[in-house]
Protein backbone atom coordinates (compact mmCIF):
# COMPACT_ATOMS: atom_id res chain seq x y z
CA UNK A 1 89.20 44.43 110.14
CA UNK A 2 92.57 45.79 111.33
CA UNK A 3 91.68 45.00 114.94
CA UNK A 4 91.44 41.33 113.93
CA UNK A 5 95.08 41.41 112.75
CA UNK A 6 96.18 43.13 115.99
CA UNK A 7 94.33 40.61 118.12
CA UNK A 8 95.78 37.66 116.17
CA UNK A 9 99.42 38.78 116.53
CA UNK A 10 98.85 39.74 120.20
CA UNK A 11 98.38 36.03 120.99
CA UNK A 12 101.54 35.19 118.99
CA UNK A 13 99.66 33.73 116.03
CA UNK A 14 101.22 34.18 112.57
CA UNK A 15 99.19 35.92 109.89
CA UNK A 16 98.58 33.99 106.66
CA UNK A 17 100.34 35.53 103.64
CA UNK A 18 96.96 36.95 102.52
CA UNK A 19 96.29 38.49 105.93
CA UNK A 20 99.79 39.95 106.11
CA UNK A 21 99.38 41.49 102.68
CA UNK A 22 95.94 42.91 103.57
CA UNK A 23 97.20 44.39 106.85
CA UNK A 24 100.13 46.18 105.24
CA UNK A 25 97.97 47.29 102.31
CA UNK A 26 95.61 49.05 104.73
CA UNK A 27 98.63 50.80 106.30
CA UNK A 28 100.19 51.93 103.01
CA UNK A 29 96.81 53.14 101.78
CA UNK A 30 96.82 55.55 104.73
CA UNK A 31 93.69 54.01 106.27
CA UNK A 32 95.19 53.19 109.71
CA UNK A 33 96.00 55.56 112.59
CA UNK A 34 99.58 56.13 113.73
CA UNK A 35 98.76 54.47 117.06
CA UNK A 36 97.49 51.31 115.35
CA UNK A 37 100.48 51.24 112.98
CA UNK A 38 102.80 51.45 116.02
CA UNK A 39 100.83 48.68 117.74
CA UNK A 40 101.17 46.50 114.62
CA UNK A 41 104.93 47.06 114.31
CA UNK A 42 105.46 46.38 118.01
CA UNK A 43 103.12 43.35 117.98
CA UNK A 44 104.97 41.84 115.01
CA UNK A 45 108.33 42.34 116.69
CA UNK A 46 107.16 40.77 119.96
CA UNK A 47 105.59 37.82 118.17
CA UNK A 48 108.50 37.40 115.76
CA UNK A 49 107.90 37.77 112.03
CA UNK A 50 107.70 34.70 109.82
CA UNK A 51 109.37 34.43 106.42
CA UNK A 52 105.87 34.09 104.82
CA UNK A 53 104.68 37.32 106.45
CA UNK A 54 107.81 39.22 105.48
CA UNK A 55 107.63 37.96 101.88
CA UNK A 56 104.02 39.20 101.69
CA UNK A 57 105.05 42.60 103.15
CA UNK A 58 107.85 42.95 100.53
CA UNK A 59 105.41 42.22 97.69
CA UNK A 60 103.01 44.90 98.93
CA UNK A 61 105.79 47.47 99.32
CA UNK A 62 107.26 46.70 95.91
CA UNK A 63 103.82 47.07 94.32
CA UNK A 64 103.40 50.46 96.01
CA UNK A 65 106.86 51.76 94.96
CA UNK A 66 107.83 54.01 92.05
CA UNK A 67 109.78 51.74 89.66
CA UNK A 68 113.16 52.70 88.15
CA UNK A 69 113.08 51.35 84.60
CA UNK A 70 116.63 50.54 83.47
CA UNK A 71 118.55 47.55 82.12
CA UNK A 72 119.53 45.71 85.30
CA UNK A 73 121.57 42.97 83.56
CA UNK A 74 124.57 42.23 85.79
CA UNK A 75 123.78 45.16 88.12
CA UNK A 76 124.16 44.83 91.88
CA UNK A 77 122.93 46.49 95.05
CA UNK A 78 125.07 46.57 98.18
CA UNK A 79 123.28 47.66 101.31
CA UNK A 80 122.52 46.79 104.91
CA UNK A 81 119.62 46.74 107.31
CA UNK A 82 121.31 49.28 109.57
CA UNK A 83 120.73 48.88 113.29
CA UNK A 84 124.07 47.16 113.93
CA UNK A 85 125.13 50.14 116.15
CA UNK A 86 128.75 49.51 115.15
CA UNK A 87 129.93 53.08 114.41
CA UNK A 88 131.95 52.03 111.33
CA UNK A 89 132.38 54.30 108.30
CA UNK A 90 130.11 53.82 105.27
CA UNK A 91 131.73 50.63 103.96
CA UNK A 92 129.09 49.56 101.40
CA UNK A 93 128.88 53.12 99.99
CA UNK A 94 132.67 53.14 99.52
CA UNK A 95 132.51 49.65 97.98
CA UNK A 96 129.94 50.93 95.45
CA UNK A 97 132.64 52.95 93.63
CA UNK A 98 135.16 50.10 93.78
CA UNK A 99 132.60 47.71 92.28
CA UNK A 100 131.69 50.24 89.58
CA UNK A 101 135.40 50.75 88.87
CA UNK A 102 135.66 47.00 88.20
CA UNK A 103 133.06 47.32 85.45
CA UNK A 104 130.00 46.15 87.37
CA UNK A 105 126.87 48.36 87.16
CA UNK A 106 125.60 49.47 90.60
CA UNK A 107 121.99 50.35 91.54
CA UNK A 108 122.25 51.28 95.22
CA UNK A 109 119.16 51.86 97.32
CA UNK A 110 119.61 53.81 100.54
CA UNK A 111 118.49 56.36 103.05
CA UNK A 112 119.50 59.05 105.52
CA UNK A 113 120.87 57.99 108.83
CA UNK A 114 118.39 56.60 111.33
CA UNK A 115 120.59 55.01 114.00
CA UNK A 116 124.14 55.84 112.82
CA UNK A 117 125.93 59.18 112.58
CA UNK A 118 126.03 58.94 108.78
CA UNK A 119 123.78 57.06 106.37
CA UNK A 120 124.62 56.48 102.69
CA UNK A 121 122.60 59.58 101.72
CA UNK A 122 124.46 61.77 104.21
CA UNK A 123 127.94 60.73 103.12
CA UNK A 124 127.15 61.00 99.38
CA UNK A 125 125.83 64.50 99.92
CA UNK A 126 128.97 65.45 101.85
CA UNK A 127 131.11 64.08 99.02
CA UNK A 128 129.42 66.68 96.82
CA UNK A 129 126.91 64.48 95.03
CA UNK A 130 123.15 65.07 94.81
CA UNK A 131 121.66 61.85 96.22
CA UNK A 132 117.95 62.75 96.08
CA UNK A 133 117.37 62.56 92.32
CA UNK A 134 113.87 61.67 91.19
CA UNK A 135 112.95 58.69 88.97
CA UNK A 136 113.73 60.13 85.49
CA UNK A 137 117.03 61.62 86.57
CA UNK A 138 118.07 58.39 88.33
CA UNK A 139 117.35 56.51 85.10
CA UNK A 140 119.47 58.99 83.12
CA UNK A 141 122.22 58.85 85.77
CA UNK A 142 122.41 55.05 85.44
CA UNK A 143 122.37 55.14 81.64
CA UNK A 144 125.21 57.69 81.60
CA UNK A 145 127.42 56.33 84.39
CA UNK A 146 126.48 52.72 85.14
CA UNK A 147 125.77 53.85 88.73
CA UNK A 148 122.74 55.20 90.55
CA UNK A 149 121.69 55.95 94.09
CA UNK A 150 117.95 55.69 94.81
CA UNK A 151 116.93 57.70 97.88
CA UNK A 152 114.28 55.52 99.49
CA UNK A 153 111.66 58.25 100.32
CA UNK A 154 111.54 59.30 96.63
CA UNK A 155 110.56 55.77 95.54
CA UNK A 156 108.45 54.59 98.45
CA UNK A 157 105.88 57.35 98.95
CA UNK A 158 103.73 54.97 101.05
CA UNK A 159 106.41 55.04 103.76
CA UNK A 160 105.02 58.39 104.93
CA UNK A 161 102.20 56.42 106.60
CA UNK A 162 104.75 54.33 108.53
CA UNK A 163 107.45 56.85 109.48
CA UNK A 164 105.63 58.60 112.38
CA UNK A 165 105.10 55.23 114.10
CA UNK A 166 108.70 54.11 113.43
CA UNK A 167 110.01 57.39 114.86
CA UNK A 168 107.83 57.20 117.97
CA UNK A 169 108.86 53.57 118.70
CA UNK A 170 112.60 54.27 118.37
CA UNK A 171 113.32 50.53 118.05
CA UNK A 172 114.13 48.23 115.17
CA UNK A 173 111.03 46.95 113.35
CA UNK A 174 110.46 44.64 110.39
CA UNK A 175 110.95 47.64 108.13
CA UNK A 176 114.68 47.43 108.85
CA UNK A 177 114.59 44.04 107.18
CA UNK A 178 112.29 45.15 104.33
CA UNK A 179 114.44 48.17 103.36
CA UNK A 180 117.23 46.30 101.53
CA UNK A 181 114.66 44.10 99.76
CA UNK A 182 112.79 47.00 98.19
CA UNK A 183 115.23 48.08 95.46
CA UNK A 184 113.07 50.20 93.05
CA UNK A 185 115.00 48.90 90.03
CA UNK A 186 114.32 45.24 90.99
CA UNK A 187 118.00 44.24 90.81
CA UNK A 188 118.62 40.53 90.48
CA UNK A 189 121.98 40.44 92.33
CA UNK A 190 122.41 41.63 95.91
CA UNK A 191 124.76 41.73 98.87
CA UNK A 192 122.73 42.49 102.00
CA UNK A 193 124.21 43.04 105.43
CA UNK A 194 121.92 42.16 108.37
CA UNK A 195 121.84 43.12 112.04
CA UNK A 196 121.85 39.45 113.16
CA UNK A 197 122.52 35.96 111.79
CA UNK A 198 118.81 35.13 112.22
CA UNK A 199 117.82 38.16 110.13
CA UNK A 200 120.36 37.21 107.42
CA UNK A 201 118.92 33.69 107.33
CA UNK A 202 115.39 34.98 106.90
CA UNK A 203 116.39 37.52 104.26
CA UNK A 204 118.04 34.91 102.02
CA UNK A 205 114.78 32.87 102.13
CA UNK A 206 112.71 35.98 101.28
CA UNK A 207 115.04 36.80 98.34
CA UNK A 208 114.63 33.20 97.12
CA UNK A 209 110.85 33.55 97.32
CA UNK A 210 111.10 36.73 95.22
CA UNK A 211 113.05 35.08 92.38
CA UNK A 212 116.33 36.90 92.95
CA UNK A 213 119.10 35.35 90.79
CA UNK A 214 122.10 35.55 93.14
CA UNK A 215 122.57 37.06 96.61
CA UNK A 216 124.63 37.02 99.75
CA UNK A 217 123.10 37.94 103.09
CA UNK A 218 125.50 38.22 105.98
CA UNK A 219 126.24 39.15 109.57
CA UNK A 220 129.68 39.23 111.18
CA UNK A 221 130.52 37.71 114.55
CA UNK A 222 131.60 41.19 115.75
CA UNK A 223 128.07 42.47 114.97
CA UNK A 224 128.88 44.22 111.70
CA UNK A 225 126.32 44.18 108.88
CA UNK A 226 129.25 43.91 106.43
CA UNK A 227 131.85 41.23 105.70
CA UNK A 228 134.21 41.97 108.59
CA UNK A 229 137.99 42.01 108.82
CA UNK A 230 138.02 41.81 112.60
CA UNK A 231 136.07 38.54 112.93
CA UNK A 232 134.57 35.72 110.83
CA UNK A 233 131.26 36.42 109.09
CA UNK A 234 128.20 34.20 108.72
CA UNK A 235 127.26 34.25 105.02
CA UNK A 236 124.15 32.81 103.36
CA UNK A 237 124.28 32.36 99.56
CA UNK A 238 121.46 32.29 97.06
CA UNK A 239 122.23 30.74 93.65
CA UNK A 240 119.73 29.77 90.92
CA UNK A 241 116.90 30.63 93.37
CA UNK A 242 118.20 28.04 95.88
CA UNK A 243 119.47 29.01 99.33
CA UNK A 244 121.20 26.89 101.95
CA UNK A 245 122.57 27.25 105.49
CA UNK A 246 125.24 29.74 106.36
CA UNK A 247 128.99 29.36 105.83
CA UNK A 248 131.42 30.83 108.37
CA UNK A 249 133.73 32.92 106.21
CA UNK A 250 137.26 33.69 107.41
CA UNK A 251 138.82 36.62 105.47
CA UNK A 252 142.22 34.95 105.87
CA UNK A 253 141.06 32.40 103.27
CA UNK A 254 141.27 35.20 100.66
CA UNK A 255 144.60 36.42 102.00
CA UNK A 256 143.15 39.32 104.03
CA UNK A 257 144.87 39.96 107.39
CA UNK A 258 142.77 40.37 110.52
CA UNK A 259 142.49 43.96 111.86
CA UNK A 260 141.42 45.49 115.14
CA UNK A 261 137.73 46.53 115.10
CA UNK A 262 138.72 50.04 116.24
CA UNK A 263 140.51 50.55 112.91
CA UNK A 264 137.13 50.32 111.10
CA UNK A 265 135.36 53.02 113.08
CA UNK A 266 134.10 56.16 111.38
CA UNK A 267 132.39 59.31 112.59
CA UNK A 268 130.03 61.89 111.16
CA UNK A 269 129.36 62.35 107.44
CA UNK A 270 132.34 64.69 106.93
CA UNK A 271 134.74 62.27 108.62
CA UNK A 272 133.39 59.28 106.64
CA UNK A 273 133.47 61.21 103.37
CA UNK A 274 137.18 61.92 103.89
CA UNK A 275 137.79 58.20 104.55
CA UNK A 276 136.05 57.28 101.27
CA UNK A 277 138.03 59.93 99.35
CA UNK A 278 141.24 58.49 100.81
CA UNK A 279 140.24 54.91 99.96
CA UNK A 280 139.61 55.58 96.28
CA UNK A 281 142.81 57.70 96.18
CA UNK A 282 144.81 54.79 97.67
CA UNK A 283 145.83 56.84 100.70
CA UNK A 284 143.53 55.39 103.39
CA UNK A 285 144.74 53.15 106.25
CA UNK A 286 145.41 49.51 105.40
CA UNK A 287 142.33 48.34 107.43
CA UNK A 288 140.00 50.89 105.77
CA UNK A 289 141.08 50.01 102.22
CA UNK A 290 141.10 46.27 102.79
CA UNK A 291 137.60 46.06 104.28
CA UNK A 292 136.20 47.97 101.32
CA UNK A 293 138.09 45.73 98.88
CA UNK A 294 136.70 42.65 100.67
CA UNK A 295 133.10 43.85 100.53
CA UNK A 296 133.51 45.02 96.93
CA UNK A 297 134.79 41.52 96.07
CA UNK A 298 131.49 40.03 97.21
CA UNK A 299 129.63 42.61 95.09
CA UNK A 300 131.71 41.85 92.03
CA UNK A 301 131.37 38.10 92.51
CA UNK A 302 127.59 38.13 93.07
CA UNK A 303 127.17 40.02 89.78
CA UNK A 304 128.66 37.10 87.85
CA UNK A 305 131.54 39.27 86.53
CA UNK A 306 134.21 37.16 88.30
CA UNK A 307 134.65 33.38 88.24
CA UNK A 308 135.68 33.21 91.90
CA UNK A 309 135.92 35.30 95.03
CA UNK A 310 139.70 35.30 94.60
CA UNK A 311 139.36 36.83 91.12
CA UNK A 312 136.80 39.32 92.45
CA UNK A 313 139.17 40.40 95.24
CA UNK A 314 141.93 41.04 92.65
CA UNK A 315 139.49 43.08 90.53
CA UNK A 316 138.53 45.15 93.60
CA UNK A 317 142.17 45.82 94.43
CA UNK A 318 142.91 46.78 90.83
CA UNK A 319 139.85 49.08 90.69
CA UNK A 320 141.54 51.22 93.38
CA UNK A 321 145.18 50.95 92.26
CA UNK A 322 144.32 51.80 88.65
CA UNK A 323 142.42 54.92 89.70
CA UNK A 324 139.14 53.69 88.18
CA UNK A 325 137.29 53.70 91.52
CA UNK A 326 138.27 57.35 91.99
CA UNK A 327 137.15 58.16 88.41
CA UNK A 328 133.79 56.54 89.16
CA UNK A 329 133.34 58.58 92.35
CA UNK A 330 134.16 61.81 90.49
CA UNK A 331 131.83 60.84 87.64
CA UNK A 332 129.02 60.11 90.11
CA UNK A 333 129.40 63.49 91.83
CA UNK A 334 129.69 65.48 88.56
CA UNK A 335 126.80 63.73 86.74
CA UNK A 336 124.41 63.90 89.73
CA UNK A 337 125.07 67.65 90.04
CA UNK A 338 124.56 68.23 86.32
CA UNK A 339 121.32 66.24 86.26
CA UNK A 340 120.02 68.00 89.39
């Protein structure tokens, strides 16, 4: 049965949604060897995945995940596909506290670093938080703070059948695109950074297929999987389950000055944690603070809490200047430690 799928993709033929779902189901059930899983991931990459295949894959993975049962009304997730090889600090993790400080609930889904020096898990741990809380404690964390971090391996146990193949391949696979679409709390509002404009375009279509309320998927001209301050960014928007082509967003339109890409670079988890601490304290560099404010603005706006991006940018700035972003970071660290 699985050989049929491998043969079909080897001649660049797309799988039907049913076939795609069946193939991934066999993998997540643990019925397929590591070698065949690797062949499938590589074959899909060489053929090029279709939106229909990827939508089917997301449905299978969501079905196999451990759900986080909380009130997601107005809550957002900000995350990226990774794989942009940019070396920036953890911008969306920093933005999480700025968004929360503006009164928007955050349900962030993330992982340890795969290709960068510091993933969201790594930097949160270095900040003193306990990022690997299990389901019940994540639910309590969100109820008590309006924030939660869901460490992917705790909520996607089926990934253990995929990880050996992903590690052996050492290249980007469709799982990089699936990751941000597998939020265990099924959030309805998302900002997703992608490693390419093509990936961002596919991801907005997948989110539309999955009945997401509002979303932005994006990729910057400088390669960042965030809204950049050093170049324009291609942004796809999903509203009322309808998506359209990308808009080229210039941060100058919101009054943000352009910065040199080098000013956005980070380092290891300790270095990035100190940048985040400085940002919420209002003592970071202009470029560091402004790129977090800009990305937080998109998170606030997508939640429906602000009428416009301009209003959202003001709310992000005020979240930092008022000290609320810093309070949210401290609350996140203290509550996660207490619950752990």
